[in-house]
């Protein structure tokens, strides 16, 4: 009997150990931080880029991945880009997976100069969300002036290298998102009351609302329903009078594409979108509070009174001048 009990105890111990070994490992623990380096960088630029990215992330050691023209073709061409195997790549990224905290992006100056000319930090974040990235710190830099597409392709490639390949259809939608939002920002950059943060906050809110209303992708939203979501978020972000009908249609078409990509079906999508919108608001509290405070009935009445006074002033001058010649 004693021998039998000892055998049973040993078996139980082995089973316990097996369960401990089989315990799931969190994604952040299996994802090696990786620097994606543009293939066109000179040796000095490569070293400088690696040092810049590691310094920003506070890391001493990271994996390395070279982003080539073929990488651009694979990840960016499906959305309409026209890269070739011979295309140059300079913009680079460092991808660091985290256990929580949402998607965070920092565009890091290279030798004190921000060389990313087109894609903003919030556009990178929204694109990463659509592509299926969750809880990650992304550091972006470039040794030369460039739009920043190579760094985004590098982010997608970094996940694949770590065994977490992202959905091709979601990456396609993400790239369409970058193209759409950067285009709208370029068209409105000189308009008073507009900022890229407002637009990206609105789009993050749209995606969160879509995920909620579609019950995490279990039902498909109609184009009319998506249009109502767009209008609601544009209003909340004080963009109703700035975003024109053509731009509104572009946003609706983009959201339809995001829905068709299957992004809304992810259980993490809504939570990540909420974290993104909250983070964008937190990073621009003064901007959003200022816009909200200006958009009140009291202020609208005040501005109307000022305008009426101006009109009355010039009318009086016209009447006075007219009287001189009567």
C-alpha atoms as a PDB file:
ATOM      1  CA  UNK A   1       0.000   0.000   0.000  1.00  0.00           C
ATOM      2  CA  UNK A   2       2.792   2.415   0.901  1.00  0.00           C
ATOM      3  CA  UNK A   3       4.462   1.768  -2.459  1.00  0.00           C
ATOM      4  CA  UNK A   4       1.179   2.379  -4.227  1.00  0.00           C
ATOM      5  CA  UNK A   5       0.656   5.688  -2.397  1.00  0.00           C
ATOM      6  CA  UNK A   6       4.192   6.809  -3.249  1.00  0.00           C
ATOM      7  CA  UNK A   7       3.553   6.022  -6.910  1.00  0.00           C
ATOM      8  CA  UNK A   8       0.262   7.937  -6.810  1.00  0.00           C
ATOM      9  CA  UNK A   9       1.928  10.925  -5.132  1.00  0.00           C
ATOM     10  CA  UNK A  10       4.682  10.971  -7.741  1.00  0.00           C
ATOM     11  CA  UNK A  11       2.114  10.820 -10.534  1.00  0.00           C
ATOM     12  CA  UNK A  12       0.208  13.739  -9.012  1.00  0.00           C
ATOM     13  CA  UNK A  13       3.408  15.761  -8.744  1.00  0.00           C
ATOM     14  CA  UNK A  14       4.203  15.099 -12.400  1.00  0.00           C
ATOM     15  CA  UNK A  15       0.673  16.104 -13.420  1.00  0.00           C
ATOM     16  CA  UNK A  16       0.968  19.351 -11.452  1.00  0.00           C
ATOM     17  CA  UNK A  17       4.291  20.102 -13.100  1.00  0.00           C
ATOM     18  CA  UNK A  18       2.813  19.374 -16.501  1.00  0.00           C
ATOM     19  CA  UNK A  19      -0.035  21.820 -15.891  1.00  0.00           C
ATOM     20  CA  UNK A  20       2.449  24.467 -14.802  1.00  0.00           C
ATOM     21  CA  UNK A  21       4.517  23.936 -17.934  1.00  0.00           C
ATOM     22  CA  UNK A  22       1.402  24.039 -20.097  1.00  0.00           C
ATOM     23  CA  UNK A  23       0.239  27.352 -18.606  1.00  0.00           C
ATOM     24  CA  UNK A  24      -0.374  29.825 -21.479  1.00  0.00           C
ATOM     25  CA  UNK A  25       2.370  32.389 -22.001  1.00  0.00           C
ATOM     26  CA  UNK A  26       1.271  35.988 -22.501  1.00  0.00           C
ATOM     27  CA  UNK A  27       1.919  37.432 -25.951  1.00  0.00           C
ATOM     28  CA  UNK A  28       4.330  40.080 -24.688  1.00  0.00           C
ATOM     29  CA  UNK A  29       6.533  37.365 -23.176  1.00  0.00           C
ATOM     30  CA  UNK A  30       6.946  35.544 -26.494  1.00  0.00           C
ATOM     31  CA  UNK A  31       7.399  38.627 -28.685  1.00  0.00           C
ATOM     32  CA  UNK A  32      11.015  39.715 -29.014  1.00  0.00           C
ATOM     33  CA  UNK A  33      11.399  43.497 -29.460  1.00  0.00           C
ATOM     34  CA  UNK A  34      12.572  43.990 -33.028  1.00  0.00           C
ATOM     35  CA  UNK A  35      13.996  46.928 -34.981  1.00  0.00           C
ATOM     36  CA  UNK A  36      12.936  47.040 -38.622  1.00  0.00           C
ATOM     37  CA  UNK A  37      15.675  48.777 -40.591  1.00  0.00           C
ATOM     38  CA  UNK A  38      15.305  50.176 -44.099  1.00  0.00           C
ATOM     39  CA  UNK A  39      17.514  48.444 -46.635  1.00  0.00           C
ATOM     40  CA  UNK A  40      18.617  51.762 -48.204  1.00  0.00           C
ATOM     41  CA  UNK A  41      20.316  53.020 -45.051  1.00  0.00           C
ATOM     42  CA  UNK A  42      24.086  53.440 -45.216  1.00  0.00           C
ATOM     43  CA  UNK A  43      26.128  51.714 -42.542  1.00  0.00           C
ATOM     44  CA  UNK A  44      26.371  54.937 -40.534  1.00  0.00           C
ATOM     45  CA  UNK A  45      22.639  55.619 -40.958  1.00  0.00           C
ATOM     46  CA  UNK A  46      21.781  52.068 -39.939  1.00  0.00           C
ATOM     47  CA  UNK A  47      23.880  52.341 -36.785  1.00  0.00           C
ATOM     48  CA  UNK A  48      22.407  55.753 -36.045  1.00  0.00           C
ATOM     49  CA  UNK A  49      18.860  54.519 -36.627  1.00  0.00           C
ATOM     50  CA  UNK A  50      19.356  51.498 -34.384  1.00  0.00           C
ATOM     51  CA  UNK A  51      20.849  53.670 -31.651  1.00  0.00           C
ATOM     52  CA  UNK A  52      17.999  56.189 -31.962  1.00  0.00           C
ATOM     53  CA  UNK A  53      15.284  53.546 -31.714  1.00  0.00           C
ATOM     54  CA  UNK A  54      16.893  51.606 -28.850  1.00  0.00           C
ATOM     55  CA  UNK A  55      17.459  54.818 -26.930  1.00  0.00           C
ATOM     56  CA  UNK A  56      13.825  55.863 -27.326  1.00  0.00           C
ATOM     57  CA  UNK A  57      12.599  52.450 -26.170  1.00  0.00           C
ATOM     58  CA  UNK A  58      15.134  52.188 -23.346  1.00  0.00           C
ATOM     59  CA  UNK A  59      16.413  48.849 -24.625  1.00  0.00           C
ATOM     60  CA  UNK A  60      19.965  47.592 -24.916  1.00  0.00           C
ATOM     61  CA  UNK A  61      19.310  44.578 -27.116  1.00  0.00           C
ATOM     62  CA  UNK A  62      16.711  44.034 -29.842  1.00  0.00           C
ATOM     63  CA  UNK A  63      16.254  41.739 -32.792  1.00  0.00           C
ATOM     64  CA  UNK A  64      16.814  43.152 -36.267  1.00  0.00           C
ATOM     65  CA  UNK A  65      14.814  42.841 -39.467  1.00  0.00           C
ATOM     66  CA  UNK A  66      15.667  44.398 -42.835  1.00  0.00           C
ATOM     67  CA  UNK A  67      12.778  45.985 -44.719  1.00  0.00           C
ATOM     68  CA  UNK A  68      13.278  45.810 -48.502  1.00  0.00           C
ATOM     69  CA  UNK A  69      11.351  46.739 -51.602  1.00  0.00           C
ATOM     70  CA  UNK A  70       9.861  43.249 -51.534  1.00  0.00           C
ATOM     71  CA  UNK A  71       8.481  43.965 -48.044  1.00  0.00           C
ATOM     72  CA  UNK A  72       6.749  47.078 -49.378  1.00  0.00           C
ATOM     73  CA  UNK A  73       5.320  45.125 -52.311  1.00  0.00           C
ATOM     74  CA  UNK A  74       3.973  42.415 -50.008  1.00  0.00           C
ATOM     75  CA  UNK A  75       2.302  44.640 -47.438  1.00  0.00           C
ATOM     76  CA  UNK A  76       1.546  47.947 -49.185  1.00  0.00           C
ATOM     77  CA  UNK A  77       0.825  47.224 -52.847  1.00  0.00           C
ATOM     78  CA  UNK A  78      -2.498  45.408 -52.233  1.00  0.00           C
ATOM     79  CA  UNK A  79      -3.973  48.751 -51.077  1.00  0.00           C
ATOM     80  CA  UNK A  80      -2.960  50.528 -54.283  1.00  0.00           C
ATOM     81  CA  UNK A  81       0.726  51.404 -53.806  1.00  0.00           C
ATOM     82  CA  UNK A  82       3.125  50.772 -56.694  1.00  0.00           C
ATOM     83  CA  UNK A  83       6.352  49.734 -55.015  1.00  0.00           C
ATOM     84  CA  UNK A  84       8.801  47.362 -56.693  1.00  0.00           C
ATOM     85  CA  UNK A  85      11.606  45.113 -55.473  1.00  0.00           C
ATOM     86  CA  UNK A  86      13.996  47.955 -56.285  1.00  0.00           C
ATOM     87  CA  UNK A  87      12.138  50.537 -54.166  1.00  0.00           C
ATOM     88  CA  UNK A  88      14.236  52.237 -51.521  1.00  0.00           C
ATOM     89  CA  UNK A  89      13.401  52.044 -47.819  1.00  0.00           C
ATOM     90  CA  UNK A  90      14.704  54.422 -45.149  1.00  0.00           C
ATOM     91  CA  UNK A  91      12.017  54.850 -42.488  1.00  0.00           C
ATOM     92  CA  UNK A  92      12.400  52.329 -39.668  1.00  0.00           C
ATOM     93  CA  UNK A  93      10.566  51.142 -36.581  1.00  0.00           C
ATOM     94  CA  UNK A  94      11.063  49.378 -33.287  1.00  0.00           C
ATOM     95  CA  UNK A  95       8.178  47.153 -32.205  1.00  0.00           C
ATOM     96  CA  UNK A  96       7.821  46.283 -28.522  1.00  0.00           C
ATOM     97  CA  UNK A  97       4.831  44.179 -27.485  1.00  0.00           C
ATOM     98  CA  UNK A  98       3.274  44.897 -24.084  1.00  0.00           C
ATOM     99  CA  UNK A  99       0.756  43.075 -21.891  1.00  0.00           C
ATOM    100  CA  UNK A 100      -1.696  45.975 -21.846  1.00  0.00           C
ATOM    101  CA  UNK A 101      -1.816  49.735 -22.384  1.00  0.00           C
ATOM    102  CA  UNK A 102      -3.120  49.842 -25.936  1.00  0.00           C
ATOM    103  CA  UNK A 103      -1.212  50.992 -29.019  1.00  0.00           C
ATOM    104  CA  UNK A 104       1.340  53.749 -28.472  1.00  0.00           C
ATOM    105  CA  UNK A 105       3.412  55.441 -31.165  1.00  0.00           C
ATOM    106  CA  UNK A 106       6.327  57.820 -30.835  1.00  0.00           C
ATOM    107  CA  UNK A 107       7.932  59.419 -33.872  1.00  0.00           C
ATOM    108  CA  UNK A 108      11.538  59.833 -32.778  1.00  0.00           C
ATOM    109  CA  UNK A 109      13.711  62.628 -34.215  1.00  0.00           C
ATOM    110  CA  UNK A 110      16.879  61.468 -35.981  1.00  0.00           C
ATOM    111  CA  UNK A 111      19.743  63.793 -35.004  1.00  0.00           C
ATOM    112  CA  UNK A 112      17.099  66.151 -33.579  1.00  0.00           C
ATOM    113  CA  UNK A 113      15.112  66.250 -36.829  1.00  0.00           C
ATOM    114  CA  UNK A 114      11.715  64.652 -37.471  1.00  0.00           C
ATOM    115  CA  UNK A 115      12.116  63.203 -40.962  1.00  0.00           C
ATOM    116  CA  UNK A 116       8.692  61.508 -41.207  1.00  0.00           C
ATOM    117  CA  UNK A 117       6.919  63.897 -43.563  1.00  0.00           C
ATOM    118  CA  UNK A 118       3.445  62.432 -44.106  1.00  0.00           C
ATOM    119  CA  UNK A 119       2.165  59.812 -41.662  1.00  0.00           C
ATOM    120  CA  UNK A 120       1.403  61.198 -38.204  1.00  0.00           C
ATOM    121  CA  UNK A 121       1.727  59.304 -34.934  1.00  0.00           C
ATOM    122  CA  UNK A 122      -2.055  59.038 -34.600  1.00  0.00           C
ATOM    123  CA  UNK A 123      -2.371  57.762 -38.177  1.00  0.00           C
ATOM    124  CA  UNK A 124       0.169  55.041 -37.369  1.00  0.00           C
ATOM    125  CA  UNK A 125      -1.865  54.125 -34.303  1.00  0.00           C
ATOM    126  CA  UNK A 126      -5.196  53.941 -36.117  1.00  0.00           C
ATOM    127  CA  UNK A 127      -3.632  51.877 -38.911  1.00  0.00           C
ATOM    128  CA  UNK A 128      -2.081  49.485 -36.408  1.00  0.00           C
ATOM    129  CA  UNK A 129      -5.464  49.076 -34.702  1.00  0.00           C
ATOM    130  CA  UNK A 130      -7.175  48.220 -37.991  1.00  0.00           C
ATOM    131  CA  UNK A 131      -4.380  45.806 -38.946  1.00  0.00           C
ATOM    132  CA  UNK A 132      -4.965  43.844 -35.749  1.00  0.00           C
ATOM    133  CA  UNK A 133      -2.116  45.080 -33.554  1.00  0.00           C
ATOM    134  CA  UNK A 134      -2.898  45.038 -29.831  1.00  0.00           C
ATOM    135  CA  UNK A 135      -0.956  46.442 -26.874  1.00  0.00           C
ATOM    136  CA  UNK A 136       2.306  47.528 -28.437  1.00  0.00           C
ATOM    137  CA  UNK A 137       4.798  50.388 -28.312  1.00  0.00           C
ATOM    138  CA  UNK A 138       5.911  51.488 -31.772  1.00  0.00           C
ATOM    139  CA  UNK A 139       8.897  53.791 -32.235  1.00  0.00           C
ATOM    140  CA  UNK A 140       9.319  55.358 -35.684  1.00  0.00           C
ATOM    141  CA  UNK A 141      12.265  57.264 -37.169  1.00  0.00           C
ATOM    142  CA  UNK A 142      14.075  57.971 -40.429  1.00  0.00           C
ATOM    143  CA  UNK A 143      17.550  59.162 -41.301  1.00  0.00           C
ATOM    144  CA  UNK A 144      16.211  61.036 -44.357  1.00  0.00           C
ATOM    145  CA  UNK A 145      13.027  62.929 -45.233  1.00  0.00           C
ATOM    146  CA  UNK A 146      10.440  60.314 -46.232  1.00  0.00           C
ATOM    147  CA  UNK A 147       6.693  59.682 -45.903  1.00  0.00           C
ATOM    148  CA  UNK A 148       7.093  56.821 -43.404  1.00  0.00           C
ATOM    149  CA  UNK A 149       5.475  53.945 -45.316  1.00  0.00           C
ATOM    150  CA  UNK A 150       8.539  51.713 -44.895  1.00  0.00           C
ATOM    151  CA  UNK A 151       8.255  51.890 -41.111  1.00  0.00           C
ATOM    152  CA  UNK A 152       4.616  50.765 -41.238  1.00  0.00           C
ATOM    153  CA  UNK A 153       5.461  47.832 -43.515  1.00  0.00           C
ATOM    154  CA  UNK A 154       8.206  46.991 -41.029  1.00  0.00           C
ATOM    155  CA  UNK A 155       5.675  46.853 -38.185  1.00  0.00           C
ATOM    156  CA  UNK A 156       3.618  44.287 -40.078  1.00  0.00           C
ATOM    157  CA  UNK A 157       6.751  42.282 -40.908  1.00  0.00           C
ATOM    158  CA  UNK A 158       7.888  42.375 -37.259  1.00  0.00           C
ATOM    159  CA  UNK A 159       4.710  40.640 -36.148  1.00  0.00           C
ATOM    160  CA  UNK A 160       5.159  37.980 -38.831  1.00  0.00           C
ATOM    161  CA  UNK A 161       8.753  37.409 -37.709  1.00  0.00           C
ATOM    162  CA  UNK A 162       7.475  36.807 -34.182  1.00  0.00           C
ATOM    163  CA  UNK A 163       4.948  34.234 -35.381  1.00  0.00           C
ATOM    164  CA  UNK A 164       1.961  36.589 -35.125  1.00  0.00           C
ATOM    165  CA  UNK A 165       1.144  37.282 -38.769  1.00  0.00           C
ATOM    166  CA  UNK A 166      -1.600  39.875 -39.198  1.00  0.00           C
ATOM    167  CA  UNK A 167      -4.591  39.448 -41.498  1.00  0.00           C
ATOM    168  CA  UNK A 168      -3.808  40.461 -45.099  1.00  0.00           C
ATOM    169  CA  UNK A 169      -7.292  41.955 -45.559  1.00  0.00           C
ATOM    170  CA  UNK A 170      -6.937  44.010 -42.374  1.00  0.00           C
ATOM    171  CA  UNK A 171      -3.497  45.268 -43.440  1.00  0.00           C
ATOM    172  CA  UNK A 172      -5.043  46.267 -46.782  1.00  0.00           C
ATOM    173  CA  UNK A 173      -7.767  48.187 -44.916  1.00  0.00           C
ATOM    174  CA  UNK A 174      -5.156  49.750 -42.629  1.00  0.00           C
ATOM    175  CA  UNK A 175      -3.172  51.051 -45.585  1.00  0.00           C
ATOM    176  CA  UNK A 176      -6.331  52.454 -47.149  1.00  0.00           C
ATOM    177  CA  UNK A 177      -6.924  54.172 -43.817  1.00  0.00           C
ATOM    178  CA  UNK A 178      -3.475  55.797 -43.857  1.00  0.00           C
ATOM    179  CA  UNK A 179      -4.017  57.000 -47.417  1.00  0.00           C
ATOM    180  CA  UNK A 180      -7.485  58.360 -46.647  1.00  0.00           C
ATOM    181  CA  UNK A 181      -6.677  60.126 -43.379  1.00  0.00           C
ATOM    182  CA  UNK A 182      -3.366  61.589 -44.551  1.00  0.00           C
ATOM    183  CA  UNK A 183      -5.136  62.894 -47.668  1.00  0.00           C
ATOM    184  CA  UNK A 184      -7.916  64.537 -45.659  1.00  0.00           C
ATOM    185  CA  UNK A 185      -5.386  66.083 -43.290  1.00  0.00           C
ATOM    186  CA  UNK A 186      -3.410  67.485 -46.227  1.00  0.00           C
ATOM    187  CA  UNK A 187      -6.572  69.008 -47.678  1.00  0.00           C
ATOM    188  CA  UNK A 188      -7.568  70.644 -44.375  1.00  0.00           C
ATOM    189  CA  UNK A 189      -4.175  71.527 -42.907  1.00  0.00           C
ATOM    190  CA  UNK A 190      -4.684  75.295 -43.340  1.00  0.00           C
ATOM    191  CA  UNK A 191      -8.290  75.361 -42.131  1.00  0.00           C
ATOM    192  CA  UNK A 192      -8.997  77.031 -38.813  1.00  0.00           C
ATOM    193  CA  UNK A 193     -10.369  74.629 -36.216  1.00  0.00           C
ATOM    194  CA  UNK A 194      -8.910  71.496 -37.805  1.00  0.00           C
ATOM    195  CA  UNK A 195      -6.275  69.140 -36.440  1.00  0.00           C
ATOM    196  CA  UNK A 196      -5.124  65.646 -37.359  1.00  0.00           C
ATOM    197  CA  UNK A 197      -5.765  64.609 -33.749  1.00  0.00           C
ATOM    198  CA  UNK A 198      -9.448  65.521 -34.056  1.00  0.00           C
ATOM    199  CA  UNK A 199      -9.813  63.417 -37.194  1.00  0.00           C
ATOM    200  CA  UNK A 200      -8.003  60.388 -35.767  1.00  0.00           C
ATOM    201  CA  UNK A 201      -9.913  60.648 -32.499  1.00  0.00           C
ATOM    202  CA  UNK A 202     -13.153  60.711 -34.486  1.00  0.00           C
ATOM    203  CA  UNK A 203     -12.146  57.672 -36.552  1.00  0.00           C
ATOM    204  CA  UNK A 204     -11.100  55.715 -33.445  1.00  0.00           C
ATOM    205  CA  UNK A 205     -14.504  56.536 -31.957  1.00  0.00           C
ATOM    206  CA  UNK A 206     -16.227  55.428 -35.160  1.00  0.00           C
ATOM    207  CA  UNK A 207     -14.471  52.063 -35.075  1.00  0.00           C
ATOM    208  CA  UNK A 208     -15.314  51.542 -31.397  1.00  0.00           C
ATOM    209  CA  UNK A 209     -18.986  52.379 -32.010  1.00  0.00           C
ATOM    210  CA  UNK A 210     -19.113  50.112 -35.052  1.00  0.00           C
ATOM    211  CA  UNK A 211     -17.720  47.212 -33.029  1.00  0.00           C
ATOM    212  CA  UNK A 212     -20.338  47.841 -30.339  1.00  0.00           C
ATOM    213  CA  UNK A 213     -23.311  48.172 -32.692  1.00  0.00           C
ATOM    214  CA  UNK A 214     -22.291  45.171 -34.774  1.00  0.00           C
ATOM    215  CA  UNK A 215     -21.962  43.099 -31.579  1.00  0.00           C
ATOM    216  CA  UNK A 216     -18.262  42.480 -32.262  1.00  0.00           C
ATOM    217  CA  UNK A 217     -18.836  41.684 -35.918  1.00  0.00           C
ATOM    218  CA  UNK A 218     -21.726  39.254 -35.487  1.00  0.00           C
ATOM    219  CA  UNK A 219     -23.986  41.433 -37.634  1.00  0.00           C
ATOM    220  CA  UNK A 220     -23.170  43.651 -40.593  1.00  0.00           C
ATOM    221  CA  UNK A 221     -23.900  47.366 -40.366  1.00  0.00           C
ATOM    222  CA  UNK A 222     -25.510  49.047 -43.358  1.00  0.00           C
ATOM    223  CA  UNK A 223     -23.872  51.965 -45.111  1.00  0.00           C
ATOM    224  CA  UNK A 224     -26.602  54.205 -43.690  1.00  0.00           C
ATOM    225  CA  UNK A 225     -25.841  53.041 -40.148  1.00  0.00           C
ATOM    226  CA  UNK A 226     -22.137  53.677 -40.693  1.00  0.00           C
ATOM    227  CA  UNK A 227     -22.971  57.114 -42.088  1.00  0.00           C
ATOM    228  CA  UNK A 228     -24.877  57.967 -38.899  1.00  0.00           C
ATOM    229  CA  UNK A 229     -21.892  56.851 -36.802  1.00  0.00           C
ATOM    230  CA  UNK A 230     -19.586  59.028 -38.908  1.00  0.00           C
ATOM    231  CA  UNK A 231     -21.850  62.075 -38.510  1.00  0.00           C
ATOM    232  CA  UNK A 232     -22.094  61.570 -34.745  1.00  0.00           C
ATOM    233  CA  UNK A 233     -18.319  61.372 -34.276  1.00  0.00           C
ATOM    234  CA  UNK A 234     -17.635  64.303 -36.611  1.00  0.00           C
ATOM    235  CA  UNK A 235     -20.038  66.369 -34.509  1.00  0.00           C
ATOM    236  CA  UNK A 236     -18.425  65.278 -31.230  1.00  0.00           C
ATOM    237  CA  UNK A 237     -15.029  66.301 -32.589  1.00  0.00           C
ATOM    238  CA  UNK A 238     -16.191  69.654 -33.985  1.00  0.00           C
ATOM    239  CA  UNK A 239     -15.516  68.606 -37.575  1.00  0.00           C
ATOM    240  CA  UNK A 240     -19.019  68.845 -39.061  1.00  0.00           C
ATOM    241  CA  UNK A 241     -18.392  72.177 -40.785  1.00  0.00           C
ATOM    242  CA  UNK A 242     -14.842  71.269 -41.828  1.00  0.00           C
ATOM    243  CA  UNK A 243     -15.134  67.798 -43.356  1.00  0.00           C
ATOM    244  CA  UNK A 244     -16.830  68.216 -46.743  1.00  0.00           C
ATOM    245  CA  UNK A 245     -19.230  65.744 -48.379  1.00  0.00           C
ATOM    246  CA  UNK A 246     -16.509  64.129 -50.482  1.00  0.00           C
ATOM    247  CA  UNK A 247     -14.290  63.572 -47.435  1.00  0.00           C
ATOM    248  CA  UNK A 248     -17.272  62.235 -45.472  1.00  0.00           C
ATOM    249  CA  UNK A 249     -17.929  59.729 -48.265  1.00  0.00           C
ATOM    250  CA  UNK A 250     -14.263  58.697 -48.213  1.00  0.00           C
ATOM    251  CA  UNK A 251     -14.489  58.006 -44.468  1.00  0.00           C
ATOM    252  CA  UNK A 252     -17.694  55.979 -44.865  1.00  0.00           C
ATOM    253  CA  UNK A 253     -16.158  53.903 -47.671  1.00  0.00           C
ATOM    254  CA  UNK A 254     -13.086  53.335 -45.514  1.00  0.00           C
ATOM    255  CA  UNK A 255     -15.175  52.090 -42.581  1.00  0.00           C
ATOM    256  CA  UNK A 256     -17.109  49.768 -44.882  1.00  0.00           C
ATOM    257  CA  UNK A 257     -13.767  48.332 -45.993  1.00  0.00           C
ATOM    258  CA  UNK A 258     -12.629  47.934 -42.385  1.00  0.00           C
ATOM    259  CA  UNK A 259     -15.861  46.066 -41.593  1.00  0.00           C
ATOM    260  CA  UNK A 260     -15.430  43.852 -44.671  1.00  0.00           C
ATOM    261  CA  UNK A 261     -11.857  43.050 -43.597  1.00  0.00           C
ATOM    262  CA  UNK A 262     -13.144  41.227 -40.530  1.00  0.00           C
ATOM    263  CA  UNK A 263     -11.452  43.612 -38.087  1.00  0.00           C
ATOM    264  CA  UNK A 264     -14.621  44.095 -36.024  1.00  0.00           C
ATOM    265  CA  UNK A 265     -14.785  40.373 -35.237  1.00  0.00           C
ATOM    266  CA  UNK A 266     -11.737  40.565 -32.982  1.00  0.00           C
ATOM    267  CA  UNK A 267     -12.638  40.521 -29.298  1.00  0.00           C
ATOM    268  CA  UNK A 268      -9.812  42.996 -28.667  1.00  0.00           C
ATOM    269  CA  UNK A 269     -10.796  45.504 -31.360  1.00  0.00           C
ATOM    270  CA  UNK A 270     -13.385  47.489 -29.395  1.00  0.00           C
ATOM    271  CA  UNK A 271     -11.216  47.673 -26.266  1.00  0.00           C
ATOM    272  CA  UNK A 272      -8.163  48.749 -28.249  1.00  0.00           C
ATOM    273  CA  UNK A 273     -10.208  51.401 -30.088  1.00  0.00           C
ATOM    274  CA  UNK A 274     -11.460  52.745 -26.752  1.00  0.00           C
ATOM    275  CA  UNK A 275      -7.921  52.915 -25.389  1.00  0.00           C
ATOM    276  CA  UNK A 276      -6.763  54.672 -28.552  1.00  0.00           C
ATOM    277  CA  UNK A 277      -9.491  57.312 -28.443  1.00  0.00           C
ATOM    278  CA  UNK A 278      -8.894  57.927 -24.730  1.00  0.00           C
ATOM    279  CA  UNK A 279      -5.151  58.229 -25.297  1.00  0.00           C
ATOM    280  CA  UNK A 280      -5.576  60.702 -28.164  1.00  0.00           C
ATOM    281  CA  UNK A 281      -7.893  62.821 -26.007  1.00  0.00           C
ATOM    282  CA  UNK A 282      -5.517  62.693 -23.044  1.00  0.00           C
ATOM    283  CA  UNK A 283      -2.607  63.835 -25.224  1.00  0.00           C
ATOM    284  CA  UNK A 284      -4.587  66.841 -26.475  1.00  0.00           C
ATOM    285  CA  UNK A 285      -6.853  67.752 -23.558  1.00  0.00           C
ATOM    286  CA  UNK A 286      -6.306  71.477 -24.016  1.00  0.00           C
ATOM    287  CA  UNK A 287      -7.210  71.259 -27.708  1.00  0.00           C
ATOM    288  CA  UNK A 288     -10.430  69.289 -27.179  1.00  0.00           C
ATOM    289  CA  UNK A 289     -11.537  71.349 -24.170  1.00  0.00           C
ATOM    290  CA  UNK A 290     -10.871  74.575 -26.064  1.00  0.00           C
ATOM    291  CA  UNK A 291     -12.896  73.397 -29.047  1.00  0.00           C
ATOM    292  CA  UNK A 292     -15.726  72.231 -26.792  1.00  0.00           C
ATOM    293  CA  UNK A 293     -15.803  75.507 -24.863  1.00  0.00           C
ATOM    294  CA  UNK A 294     -15.954  77.530 -28.054  1.00  0.00           C
ATOM    295  CA  UNK A 295     -18.816  75.460 -29.441  1.00  0.00           C
ATOM    296  CA  UNK A 296     -21.480  76.732 -26.984  1.00  0.00           C
ATOM    297  CA  UNK A 297     -24.726  78.635 -27.505  1.00  0.00           C
ATOM    298  CA  UNK A 298     -23.366  81.490 -25.415  1.00  0.00           C
ATOM    299  CA  UNK A 299     -20.284  81.867 -27.574  1.00  0.00           C
ATOM    300  CA  UNK A 300     -22.275  81.524 -30.773  1.00  0.00           C
ATOM    301  CA  UNK A 301     -24.597  84.307 -29.562  1.00  0.00           C
ATOM    302  CA  UNK A 302     -21.590  86.417 -28.599  1.00  0.00           C
ATOM    303  CA  UNK A 303     -20.004  85.985 -32.026  1.00  0.00           C
ATOM    304  CA  UNK A 304     -23.311  86.846 -33.677  1.00  0.00           C
ATOM    305  CA  UNK A 305     -23.481  90.051 -31.609  1.00  0.00           C
ATOM    306  CA  UNK A 306     -19.924  90.948 -32.653  1.00  0.00           C
ATOM    307  CA  UNK A 307     -20.788  90.351 -36.296  1.00  0.00           C
ATOM    308  CA  UNK A 308     -23.970  92.405 -35.998  1.00  0.00           C
ATOM    309  CA  UNK A 309     -21.935  95.246 -34.491  1.00  0.00           C
ATOM    310  CA  UNK A 310     -19.447  95.123 -37.353  1.00  0.00           C
ATOM    311  CA  UNK A 311     -22.246  95.188 -39.909  1.00  0.00           C
ATOM    312  CA  UNK A 312     -23.929  98.108 -38.137  1.00  0.00           C
ATOM    313  CA  UNK A 313     -20.619 100.004 -37.969  1.00  0.00           C
ATOM    314  CA  UNK A 314     -19.944  99.749 -41.685  1.00  0.00           C
ATOM    315  CA  UNK A 315     -23.587 100.483 -42.520  1.00  0.00           C
ATOM    316  CA  UNK A 316     -23.335 103.680 -40.503  1.00  0.00           C
ATOM    317  CA  UNK A 317     -20.198 104.686 -42.419  1.00  0.00           C
ATOM    318  CA  UNK A 318     -21.914 103.995 -45.754  1.00  0.00           C
ATOM    319  CA  UNK A 319     -24.957 106.040 -44.667  1.00  0.00           C
ATOM    320  CA  UNK A 320     -22.709 108.893 -43.516  1.00  0.00           C
ATOM    321  CA  UNK A 321     -20.729 108.935 -46.778  1.00  0.00           C
ATOM    322  CA  UNK A 322     -23.940 108.761 -48.738  1.00  0.00           C
ATOM    323  CA  UNK A 323     -25.296 111.750 -46.838  1.00  0.00           C
ATOM    324  CA  UNK A 324     -22.342 113.880 -47.881  1.00  0.00           C
ATOM    325  CA  UNK A 325     -23.365 113.615 -51.507  1.00  0.00           C
ATOM    326  CA  UNK A 326     -27.100 114.132 -51.045  1.00  0.00           C
END
